[in-house]
PDB file of N, CA and C in Angstrom:
ATOM      1  N   UNK A   1      22.771 -14.602   2.820  1.00  0.00           N
ATOM      2  CA  UNK A   1      21.592 -13.889   3.287  1.00  0.00           C
ATOM      3  C   UNK A   1      21.676 -13.724   4.793  1.00  0.00           C
ATOM      4  N   UNK A   2      21.394 -12.529   5.277  1.00  0.00           N
ATOM      5  CA  UNK A   2      21.478 -12.223   6.699  1.00  0.00           C
ATOM      6  C   UNK A   2      20.207 -12.648   7.415  1.00  0.00           C
ATOM      7  N   UNK A   3      20.379 -13.129   8.648  1.00  0.00           N
ATOM      8  CA  UNK A   3      19.200 -13.490   9.428  1.00  0.00           C
ATOM      9  C   UNK A   3      18.938 -12.453  10.511  1.00  0.00           C
ATOM     10  N   UNK A   4      19.617 -11.306  10.438  1.00  0.00           N
ATOM     11  CA  UNK A   4      19.391 -10.234  11.408  1.00  0.00           C
ATOM     12  C   UNK A   4      17.941  -9.785  11.322  1.00  0.00           C
ATOM     13  N   UNK A   5      17.387  -9.422  12.463  1.00  0.00           N
ATOM     14  CA  UNK A   5      15.980  -9.032  12.443  1.00  0.00           C
ATOM     15  C   UNK A   5      15.824  -7.563  12.088  1.00  0.00           C
ATOM     16  N   UNK A   6      14.701  -7.275  11.452  1.00  0.00           N
ATOM     17  CA  UNK A   6      14.311  -5.921  11.089  1.00  0.00           C
ATOM     18  C   UNK A   6      12.971  -5.643  11.737  1.00  0.00           C
ATOM     19  N   UNK A   7      12.771  -4.405  12.138  1.00  0.00           N
ATOM     20  CA  UNK A   7      11.492  -3.980  12.675  1.00  0.00           C
ATOM     21  C   UNK A   7      10.907  -2.938  11.738  1.00  0.00           C
ATOM     22  N   UNK A   8       9.645  -3.134  11.346  1.00  0.00           N
ATOM     23  CA  UNK A   8       8.978  -2.180  10.469  1.00  0.00           C
ATOM     24  C   UNK A   8       7.705  -1.683  11.137  1.00  0.00           C
ATOM     25  N   UNK A   9       7.391  -0.424  10.886  1.00  0.00           N
ATOM     26  CA  UNK A   9       6.164   0.208  11.374  1.00  0.00           C
ATOM     27  C   UNK A   9       5.506   0.807  10.149  1.00  0.00           C
ATOM     28  N   UNK A  10       4.302   0.336   9.818  1.00  0.00           N
ATOM     29  CA  UNK A  10       3.683   0.670   8.546  1.00  0.00           C
ATOM     30  C   UNK A  10       2.254   1.166   8.715  1.00  0.00           C
ATOM     31  N   UNK A  11       1.831   2.018   7.804  1.00  0.00           N
ATOM     32  CA  UNK A  11       0.448   2.474   7.721  1.00  0.00           C
ATOM     33  C   UNK A  11      -0.082   2.052   6.347  1.00  0.00           C
ATOM     34  N   UNK A  12      -1.166   1.289   6.351  1.00  0.00           N
ATOM     35  CA  UNK A  12      -1.772   0.800   5.114  1.00  0.00           C
ATOM     36  C   UNK A  12      -3.072   1.568   4.906  1.00  0.00           C
ATOM     37  N   UNK A  13      -3.206   2.189   3.735  1.00  0.00           N
ATOM     38  CA  UNK A  13      -4.410   2.967   3.442  1.00  0.00           C
ATOM     39  C   UNK A  13      -5.163   2.369   2.262  1.00  0.00           C
ATOM     40  N   UNK A  14      -6.426   2.730   2.181  1.00  0.00           N
ATOM     41  CA  UNK A  14      -7.308   2.223   1.136  1.00  0.00           C
ATOM     42  C   UNK A  14      -8.551   1.646   1.797  1.00  0.00           C
ATOM     43  N   UNK A  15      -9.189   0.677   1.149  1.00  0.00           N
ATOM     44  CA  UNK A  15     -10.323  -0.012   1.761  1.00  0.00           C
ATOM     45  C   UNK A  15      -9.755  -1.198   2.536  1.00  0.00           C
ATOM     46  N   UNK A  16      -9.357  -0.913   3.786  1.00  0.00           N
ATOM     47  CA  UNK A  16      -8.664  -1.920   4.593  1.00  0.00           C
ATOM     48  C   UNK A  16      -9.348  -2.161   5.947  1.00  0.00           C
ATOM     49  N   UNK A  17     -10.463  -1.494   6.180  1.00  0.00           N
ATOM     50  CA  UNK A  17     -11.235  -1.766   7.400  1.00  0.00           C
ATOM     51  C   UNK A  17     -12.579  -2.352   6.991  1.00  0.00           C
ATOM     52  N   UNK A  18     -13.047  -3.306   7.782  1.00  0.00           N
ATOM     53  CA  UNK A  18     -14.325  -3.938   7.499  1.00  0.00           C
ATOM     54  C   UNK A  18     -14.271  -4.978   6.394  1.00  0.00           C
ATOM     55  N   UNK A  19     -13.064  -5.400   6.029  1.00  0.00           N
ATOM     56  CA  UNK A  19     -12.901  -6.386   4.950  1.00  0.00           C
ATOM     57  C   UNK A  19     -12.042  -7.577   5.388  1.00  0.00           C
ATOM     58  N   UNK A  20     -11.773  -7.698   6.694  1.00  0.00           N
ATOM     59  CA  UNK A  20     -10.963  -8.808   7.191  1.00  0.00           C
ATOM     60  C   UNK A  20      -9.466  -8.585   7.061  1.00  0.00           C
ATOM     61  N   UNK A  21      -9.075  -7.344   6.853  1.00  0.00           N
ATOM     62  CA  UNK A  21      -7.661  -7.057   6.601  1.00  0.00           C
ATOM     63  C   UNK A  21      -6.772  -7.372   7.803  1.00  0.00           C
ATOM     64  N   UNK A  22      -7.188  -6.984   9.015  1.00  0.00           N
ATOM     65  CA  UNK A  22      -6.349  -7.249  10.190  1.00  0.00           C
ATOM     66  C   UNK A  22      -6.105  -8.737  10.373  1.00  0.00           C
ATOM     67  N   UNK A  23      -7.147  -9.547  10.204  1.00  0.00           N
ATOM     68  CA  UNK A  23      -6.981 -10.993  10.389  1.00  0.00           C
ATOM     69  C   UNK A  23      -6.139 -11.588   9.265  1.00  0.00           C
ATOM     70  N   UNK A  24      -6.235 -11.019   8.076  1.00  0.00           N
ATOM     71  CA  UNK A  24      -5.372 -11.420   6.978  1.00  0.00           C
ATOM     72  C   UNK A  24      -3.904 -11.158   7.338  1.00  0.00           C
ATOM     73  N   UNK A  25      -3.639  -9.981   7.932  1.00  0.00           N
ATOM     74  CA  UNK A  25      -2.268  -9.637   8.337  1.00  0.00           C
ATOM     75  C   UNK A  25      -1.783 -10.602   9.422  1.00  0.00           C
ATOM     76  N   UNK A  26      -2.623 -10.896  10.405  1.00  0.00           N
ATOM     77  CA  UNK A  26      -2.246 -11.826  11.469  1.00  0.00           C
ATOM     78  C   UNK A  26      -1.885 -13.189  10.880  1.00  0.00           C
ATOM     79  N   UNK A  27      -2.737 -13.710   9.998  1.00  0.00           N
ATOM     80  CA  UNK A  27      -2.459 -15.024   9.389  1.00  0.00           C
ATOM     81  C   UNK A  27      -1.176 -14.993   8.563  1.00  0.00           C
ATOM     82  N   UNK A  28      -0.993 -13.924   7.788  1.00  0.00           N
ATOM     83  CA  UNK A  28       0.200 -13.817   6.932  1.00  0.00           C
ATOM     84  C   UNK A  28       1.465 -13.740   7.773  1.00  0.00           C
ATOM     85  N   UNK A  29       1.458 -12.881   8.791  1.00  0.00           N
ATOM     86  CA  UNK A  29       2.642 -12.705   9.635  1.00  0.00           C
ATOM     87  C   UNK A  29       2.920 -13.962  10.455  1.00  0.00           C
ATOM     88  N   UNK A  30       1.872 -14.599  10.964  1.00  0.00           N
ATOM     89  CA  UNK A  30       2.059 -15.821  11.747  1.00  0.00           C
ATOM     90  C   UNK A  30       2.631 -16.933  10.875  1.00  0.00           C
ATOM     91  N   UNK A  31       2.154 -17.042   9.649  1.00  0.00           N
ATOM     92  CA  UNK A  31       2.668 -18.064   8.733  1.00  0.00           C
ATOM     93  C   UNK A  31       4.152 -17.841   8.440  1.00  0.00           C
ATOM     94  N   UNK A  32       4.584 -16.596   8.499  1.00  0.00           N
ATOM     95  CA  UNK A  32       5.989 -16.265   8.268  1.00  0.00           C
ATOM     96  C   UNK A  32       6.820 -16.378   9.545  1.00  0.00           C
ATOM     97  N   UNK A  33       6.167 -16.572  10.693  1.00  0.00           N
ATOM     98  CA  UNK A  33       6.880 -16.683  11.962  1.00  0.00           C
ATOM     99  C   UNK A  33       7.324 -15.349  12.526  1.00  0.00           C
ATOM    100  N   UNK A  34       6.570 -14.284  12.243  1.00  0.00           N
ATOM    101  CA  UNK A  34       6.953 -12.942  12.675  1.00  0.00           C
ATOM    102  C   UNK A  34       6.284 -12.562  13.998  1.00  0.00           C
ATOM    103  N   UNK A  35       6.897 -11.630  14.706  1.00  0.00           N
ATOM    104  CA  UNK A  35       6.325 -11.033  15.903  1.00  0.00           C
ATOM    105  C   UNK A  35       5.734  -9.689  15.512  1.00  0.00           C
ATOM    106  N   UNK A  36       4.729  -9.216  16.293  1.00  0.00           N
ATOM    107  CA  UNK A  36       4.196  -7.888  16.035  1.00  0.00           C
ATOM    108  C   UNK A  36       2.720  -7.781  16.289  1.00  0.00           C
ATOM    109  N   UNK A  37       2.152  -6.690  15.777  1.00  0.00           N
ATOM    110  CA  UNK A  37       0.729  -6.418  15.964  1.00  0.00           C
ATOM    111  C   UNK A  37       0.172  -5.636  14.781  1.00  0.00           C
ATOM    112  N   UNK A  38      -1.164  -5.652  14.698  1.00  0.00           N
ATOM    113  CA  UNK A  38      -1.895  -4.897  13.679  1.00  0.00           C
ATOM    114  C   UNK A  38      -3.111  -4.297  14.362  1.00  0.00           C
ATOM    115  N   UNK A  39      -3.495  -3.078  13.948  1.00  0.00           N
ATOM    116  CA  UNK A  39      -4.691  -2.455  14.517  1.00  0.00           C
ATOM    117  C   UNK A  39      -5.280  -1.452  13.533  1.00  0.00           C
ATOM    118  N   UNK A  40      -6.580  -1.203  13.721  1.00  0.00           N
ATOM    119  CA  UNK A  40      -7.253  -0.164  12.938  1.00  0.00           C
ATOM    120  C   UNK A  40      -6.855   1.198  13.483  1.00  0.00           C
ATOM    121  N   UNK A  41      -6.858   2.198  12.603  1.00  0.00           N
ATOM    122  CA  UNK A  41      -6.592   3.580  12.969  1.00  0.00           C
ATOM    123  C   UNK A  41      -7.891   4.355  12.718  1.00  0.00           C
ATOM    124  N   UNK A  42      -8.151   5.363  13.529  1.00  0.00           N
ATOM    125  CA  UNK A  42      -9.400   6.122  13.451  1.00  0.00           C
ATOM    126  C   UNK A  42      -9.679   6.706  12.065  1.00  0.00           C
ATOM    127  N   UNK A  43      -8.630   7.018  11.300  1.00  0.00           N
ATOM    128  CA  UNK A  43      -8.830   7.629   9.979  1.00  0.00           C
ATOM    129  C   UNK A  43      -9.152   6.623   8.875  1.00  0.00           C
ATOM    130  N   UNK A  44      -9.307   5.341   9.235  1.00  0.00           N
ATOM    131  CA  UNK A  44      -9.649   4.323   8.249  1.00  0.00           C
ATOM    132  C   UNK A  44      -8.476   3.495   7.773  1.00  0.00           C
ATOM    133  N   UNK A  45      -7.282   3.842   8.203  1.00  0.00           N
ATOM    134  CA  UNK A  45      -6.091   3.088   7.828  1.00  0.00           C
ATOM    135  C   UNK A  45      -5.894   1.905   8.779  1.00  0.00           C
ATOM    136  N   UNK A  46      -4.910   1.087   8.487  1.00  0.00           N
ATOM    137  CA  UNK A  46      -4.491  -0.009   9.358  1.00  0.00           C
ATOM    138  C   UNK A  46      -3.009   0.189   9.647  1.00  0.00           C
ATOM    139  N   UNK A  47      -2.643   0.023  10.913  1.00  0.00           N
ATOM    140  CA  UNK A  47      -1.262   0.191  11.362  1.00  0.00           C
ATOM    141  C   UNK A  47      -0.670  -1.175  11.680  1.00  0.00           C
ATOM    142  N   UNK A  48       0.575  -1.387  11.267  1.00  0.00           N
ATOM    143  CA  UNK A  48       1.253  -2.672  11.462  1.00  0.00           C
ATOM    144  C   UNK A  48       2.642  -2.423  12.040  1.00  0.00           C
ATOM    145  N   UNK A  49       2.994  -3.175  13.068  1.00  0.00           N
ATOM    146  CA  UNK A  49       4.363  -3.201  13.580  1.00  0.00           C
ATOM    147  C   UNK A  49       4.799  -4.661  13.528  1.00  0.00           C
ATOM    148  N   UNK A  50       5.934  -4.936  12.898  1.00  0.00           N
ATOM    149  CA  UNK A  50       6.361  -6.321  12.717  1.00  0.00           C
ATOM    150  C   UNK A  50       7.874  -6.444  12.792  1.00  0.00           C
ATOM    151  N   UNK A  51       8.308  -7.616  13.254  1.00  0.00           N
ATOM    152  CA  UNK A  51       9.740  -7.898  13.309  1.00  0.00           C
ATOM    153  C   UNK A  51       9.995  -9.274  12.714  1.00  0.00           C
ATOM    154  N   UNK A  52      11.025  -9.329  11.877  1.00  0.00           N
ATOM    155  CA  UNK A  52      11.431 -10.589  11.265  1.00  0.00           C
ATOM    156  C   UNK A  52      12.701 -10.376  10.472  1.00  0.00           C
ATOM    157  N   UNK A  53      13.115 -11.403   9.774  1.00  0.00           N
ATOM    158  CA  UNK A  53      14.289 -11.282   8.915  1.00  0.00           C
ATOM    159  C   UNK A  53      13.947 -10.392   7.726  1.00  0.00           C
ATOM    160  N   UNK A  54      14.955  -9.984   7.001  1.00  0.00           N
ATOM    161  CA  UNK A  54      14.723  -9.151   5.810  1.00  0.00           C
ATOM    162  C   UNK A  54      13.778  -9.855   4.836  1.00  0.00           C
ATOM    163  N   UNK A  55      13.956 -11.160   4.651  1.00  0.00           N
ATOM    164  CA  UNK A  55      13.093 -11.916   3.734  1.00  0.00           C
ATOM    165  C   UNK A  55      11.662 -11.999   4.267  1.00  0.00           C
ATOM    166  N   UNK A  56      11.493 -12.211   5.561  1.00  0.00           N
ATOM    167  CA  UNK A  56      10.148 -12.238   6.141  1.00  0.00           C
ATOM    168  C   UNK A  56       9.457 -10.892   5.956  1.00  0.00           C
ATOM    169  N   UNK A  57      10.192  -9.809   6.205  1.00  0.00           N
ATOM    170  CA  UNK A  57       9.624  -8.467   6.031  1.00  0.00           C
ATOM    171  C   UNK A  57       9.222  -8.253   4.574  1.00  0.00           C
ATOM    172  N   UNK A  58      10.069  -8.660   3.641  1.00  0.00           N
ATOM    173  CA  UNK A  58       9.755  -8.505   2.214  1.00  0.00           C
ATOM    174  C   UNK A  58       8.501  -9.295   1.844  1.00  0.00           C
ATOM    175  N   UNK A  59       8.378 -10.507   2.359  1.00  0.00           N
ATOM    176  CA  UNK A  59       7.193 -11.325   2.074  1.00  0.00           C
ATOM    177  C   UNK A  59       5.942 -10.708   2.696  1.00  0.00           C
ATOM    178  N   UNK A  60       6.059 -10.175   3.915  1.00  0.00           N
ATOM    179  CA  UNK A  60       4.918  -9.529   4.551  1.00  0.00           C
ATOM    180  C   UNK A  60       4.490  -8.300   3.749  1.00  0.00           C
ATOM    181  N   UNK A  61       5.442  -7.510   3.293  1.00  0.00           N
ATOM    182  CA  UNK A  61       5.105  -6.332   2.480  1.00  0.00           C
ATOM    183  C   UNK A  61       4.333  -6.720   1.227  1.00  0.00           C
ATOM    184  N   UNK A  62       4.749  -7.793   0.571  1.00  0.00           N
ATOM    185  CA  UNK A  62       4.017  -8.263  -0.613  1.00  0.00           C
ATOM    186  C   UNK A  62       2.579  -8.640  -0.228  1.00  0.00           C
ATOM    187  N   UNK A  63       2.434  -9.317   0.905  1.00  0.00           N
ATOM    188  CA  UNK A  63       1.098  -9.715   1.370  1.00  0.00           C
ATOM    189  C   UNK A  63       0.255  -8.492   1.710  1.00  0.00           C
ATOM    190  N   UNK A  64       0.855  -7.484   2.355  1.00  0.00           N
ATOM    191  CA  UNK A  64       0.112  -6.280   2.717  1.00  0.00           C
ATOM    192  C   UNK A  64      -0.440  -5.588   1.482  1.00  0.00           C
ATOM    193  N   UNK A  65       0.331  -5.552   0.413  1.00  0.00           N
ATOM    194  CA  UNK A  65      -0.143  -4.928  -0.823  1.00  0.00           C
ATOM    195  C   UNK A  65      -1.281  -5.734  -1.444  1.00  0.00           C
ATOM    196  N   UNK A  66      -1.270  -7.035  -1.283  1.00  0.00           N
ATOM    197  CA  UNK A  66      -2.320  -7.884  -1.853  1.00  0.00           C
ATOM    198  C   UNK A  66      -3.595  -7.790  -1.023  1.00  0.00           C
ATOM    199  N   UNK A  67      -3.494  -8.066   0.269  1.00  0.00           N
ATOM    200  CA  UNK A  67      -4.655  -8.031   1.151  1.00  0.00           C
ATOM    201  C   UNK A  67      -5.647  -9.136   0.848  1.00  0.00           C
ATOM    202  N   UNK A  68      -6.708  -9.211   1.645  1.00  0.00           N
ATOM    203  CA  UNK A  68      -7.757 -10.198   1.392  1.00  0.00           C
ATOM    204  C   UNK A  68      -8.614  -9.765   0.199  1.00  0.00           C
ATOM    205  N   UNK A  69      -9.485 -10.649  -0.287  1.00  0.00           N
ATOM    206  CA  UNK A  69     -10.230 -10.373  -1.528  1.00  0.00           C
ATOM    207  C   UNK A  69     -10.992  -9.051  -1.580  1.00  0.00           C
ATOM    208  N   UNK A  70     -11.629  -8.613  -0.492  1.00  0.00           N
ATOM    209  CA  UNK A  70     -12.447  -7.392  -0.555  1.00  0.00           C
ATOM    210  C   UNK A  70     -11.661  -6.115  -0.264  1.00  0.00           C
ATOM    211  N   UNK A  71     -10.390  -6.249   0.063  1.00  0.00           N
ATOM    212  CA  UNK A  71      -9.569  -5.068   0.358  1.00  0.00           C
ATOM    213  C   UNK A  71      -9.112  -4.400  -0.939  1.00  0.00           C
ATOM    214  N   UNK A  72      -8.838  -3.115  -0.828  1.00  0.00           N
ATOM    215  CA  UNK A  72      -8.276  -2.349  -1.943  1.00  0.00           C
ATOM    216  C   UNK A  72      -7.182  -1.465  -1.358  1.00  0.00           C
ATOM    217  N   UNK A  73      -5.948  -1.934  -1.435  1.00  0.00           N
ATOM    218  CA  UNK A  73      -4.820  -1.227  -0.838  1.00  0.00           C
ATOM    219  C   UNK A  73      -4.348  -0.132  -1.777  1.00  0.00           C
ATOM    220  N   UNK A  74      -4.291   1.096  -1.250  1.00  0.00           N
ATOM    221  CA  UNK A  74      -3.819   2.232  -2.044  1.00  0.00           C
ATOM    222  C   UNK A  74      -2.366   2.567  -1.748  1.00  0.00           C
ATOM    223  N   UNK A  75      -1.933   2.347  -0.489  1.00  0.00           N
ATOM    224  CA  UNK A  75      -0.553   2.675  -0.120  1.00  0.00           C
ATOM    225  C   UNK A  75      -0.142   1.880   1.108  1.00  0.00           C
ATOM    226  N   UNK A  76       1.152   1.569   1.169  1.00  0.00           N
ATOM    227  CA  UNK A  76       1.782   0.992   2.356  1.00  0.00           C
ATOM    228  C   UNK A  76       2.975   1.887   2.654  1.00  0.00           C
ATOM    229  N   UNK A  77       2.830   2.729   3.677  1.00  0.00           N
ATOM    230  CA  UNK A  77       3.861   3.710   3.999  1.00  0.00           C
ATOM    231  C   UNK A  77       4.589   3.341   5.280  1.00  0.00           C
ATOM    232  N   UNK A  78       5.902   3.528   5.259  1.00  0.00           N
ATOM    233  CA  UNK A  78       6.738   3.231   6.417  1.00  0.00           C
ATOM    234  C   UNK A  78       6.793   4.430   7.348  1.00  0.00           C
ATOM    235  N   UNK A  79       6.733   4.132   8.645  1.00  0.00           N
ATOM    236  CA  UNK A  79       6.934   5.156   9.670  1.00  0.00           C
ATOM    237  C   UNK A  79       8.241   4.805  10.370  1.00  0.00           C
ATOM    238  N   UNK A  80       9.030   5.793  10.698  1.00  0.00           N
ATOM    239  CA  UNK A  80      10.329   5.540  11.311  1.00  0.00           C
ATOM    240  C   UNK A  80      10.356   5.881  12.790  1.00  0.00           C
ATOM    241  N   UNK A  81       9.191   5.849  13.441  1.00  0.00           N
ATOM    242  CA  UNK A  81       9.140   6.290  14.829  1.00  0.00           C
ATOM    243  C   UNK A  81       9.098   5.147  15.842  1.00  0.00           C
ATOM    244  N   UNK A  82       9.230   3.910  15.406  1.00  0.00           N
ATOM    245  CA  UNK A  82       9.175   2.772  16.318  1.00  0.00           C
ATOM    246  C   UNK A  82      10.588   2.390  16.739  1.00  0.00           C
ATOM    247  N   UNK A  83      10.822   2.336  18.032  1.00  0.00           N
ATOM    248  CA  UNK A  83      12.121   1.933  18.572  1.00  0.00           C
ATOM    249  C   UNK A  83      12.416   0.509  18.103  1.00  0.00           C
ATOM    250  N   UNK A  84      13.543   0.275  17.425  1.00  0.00           N
ATOM    251  CA  UNK A  84      13.847  -1.068  16.924  1.00  0.00           C
ATOM    252  C   UNK A  84      14.027  -2.096  18.043  1.00  0.00           C
ATOM    253  N   UNK A  85      14.206  -1.640  19.270  1.00  0.00           N
ATOM    254  CA  UNK A  85      14.373  -2.560  20.394  1.00  0.00           C
ATOM    255  C   UNK A  85      13.071  -2.812  21.153  1.00  0.00           C
ATOM    256  N   UNK A  86      11.967  -2.213  20.698  1.00  0.00           N
ATOM    257  CA  UNK A  86      10.691  -2.402  21.383  1.00  0.00           C
ATOM    258  C   UNK A  86      10.324  -3.891  21.356  1.00  0.00           C
ATOM    259  N   UNK A  87       9.736  -4.362  22.431  1.00  0.00           N
ATOM    260  CA  UNK A  87       9.306  -5.756  22.498  1.00  0.00           C
ATOM    261  C   UNK A  87       7.955  -5.871  21.795  1.00  0.00           C
ATOM    262  N   UNK A  88       7.898  -6.701  20.771  1.00  0.00           N
ATOM    263  CA  UNK A  88       6.658  -6.916  20.036  1.00  0.00           C
ATOM    264  C   UNK A  88       6.059  -8.259  20.428  1.00  0.00           C
ATOM    265  N   UNK A  89       4.730  -8.359  20.444  1.00  0.00           N
ATOM    266  CA  UNK A  89       4.084  -9.615  20.820  1.00  0.00           C
ATOM    267  C   UNK A  89       4.472 -10.751  19.873  1.00  0.00           C
ATOM    268  N   UNK A  90       4.682 -11.909  20.450  1.00  0.00           N
ATOM    269  CA  UNK A  90       4.989 -13.104  19.673  1.00  0.00           C
ATOM    270  C   UNK A  90       4.208 -14.244  20.308  1.00  0.00           C
ATOM    271  N   UNK A  91       3.173 -14.750  19.679  1.00  0.00           N
ATOM    272  CA  UNK A  91       2.865 -14.615  18.253  1.00  0.00           C
ATOM    273  C   UNK A  91       2.203 -13.275  17.912  1.00  0.00           C
ATOM    274  N   UNK A  92       2.215 -12.990  16.617  1.00  0.00           N
ATOM    275  CA  UNK A  92       1.628 -11.783  16.058  1.00  0.00           C
ATOM    276  C   UNK A  92       0.166 -11.691  16.482  1.00  0.00           C
ATOM    277  N   UNK A  93      -0.329 -10.483  16.783  1.00  0.00           N
ATOM    278  CA  UNK A  93      -1.692 -10.339  17.295  1.00  0.00           C
ATOM    279  C   UNK A  93      -2.374  -9.074  16.800  1.00  0.00           C
ATOM    280  N   UNK A  94      -3.706  -9.046  16.970  1.00  0.00           N
ATOM    281  CA  UNK A  94      -4.487  -7.839  16.752  1.00  0.00           C
ATOM    282  C   UNK A  94      -4.412  -7.033  18.032  1.00  0.00           C
ATOM    283  N   UNK A  95      -4.059  -5.762  17.917  1.00  0.00           N
ATOM    284  CA  UNK A  95      -3.945  -4.868  19.053  1.00  0.00           C
ATOM    285  C   UNK A  95      -5.121  -3.904  19.040  1.00  0.00           C
ATOM    286  N   UNK A  96      -5.498  -3.416  20.203  1.00  0.00           N
ATOM    287  CA  UNK A  96      -6.609  -2.453  20.280  1.00  0.00           C
ATOM    288  C   UNK A  96      -6.084  -1.035  20.326  1.00  0.00           C
TER     289      UNK A  96
END
């Protein structure tokens, strides 16, 4: 198994604002030891940028689909516009 880091930039849609979703992402990513950020988007989605090993990214993706109890995730879509060398906050944080 490779320990090379991966950077992902994701948009999560559904009922993901006003349900504790960002803090759920922070706790999940921090528990995995990942760097990155999460923030609300004006259209009601949540945006996530994260860096970790392939296994950490896979575990975070599973968590994003689950979400906290009141969330209803409809989609987790990848965006390919984030520079893989961008410096992400460590520890993981909520961004404005």
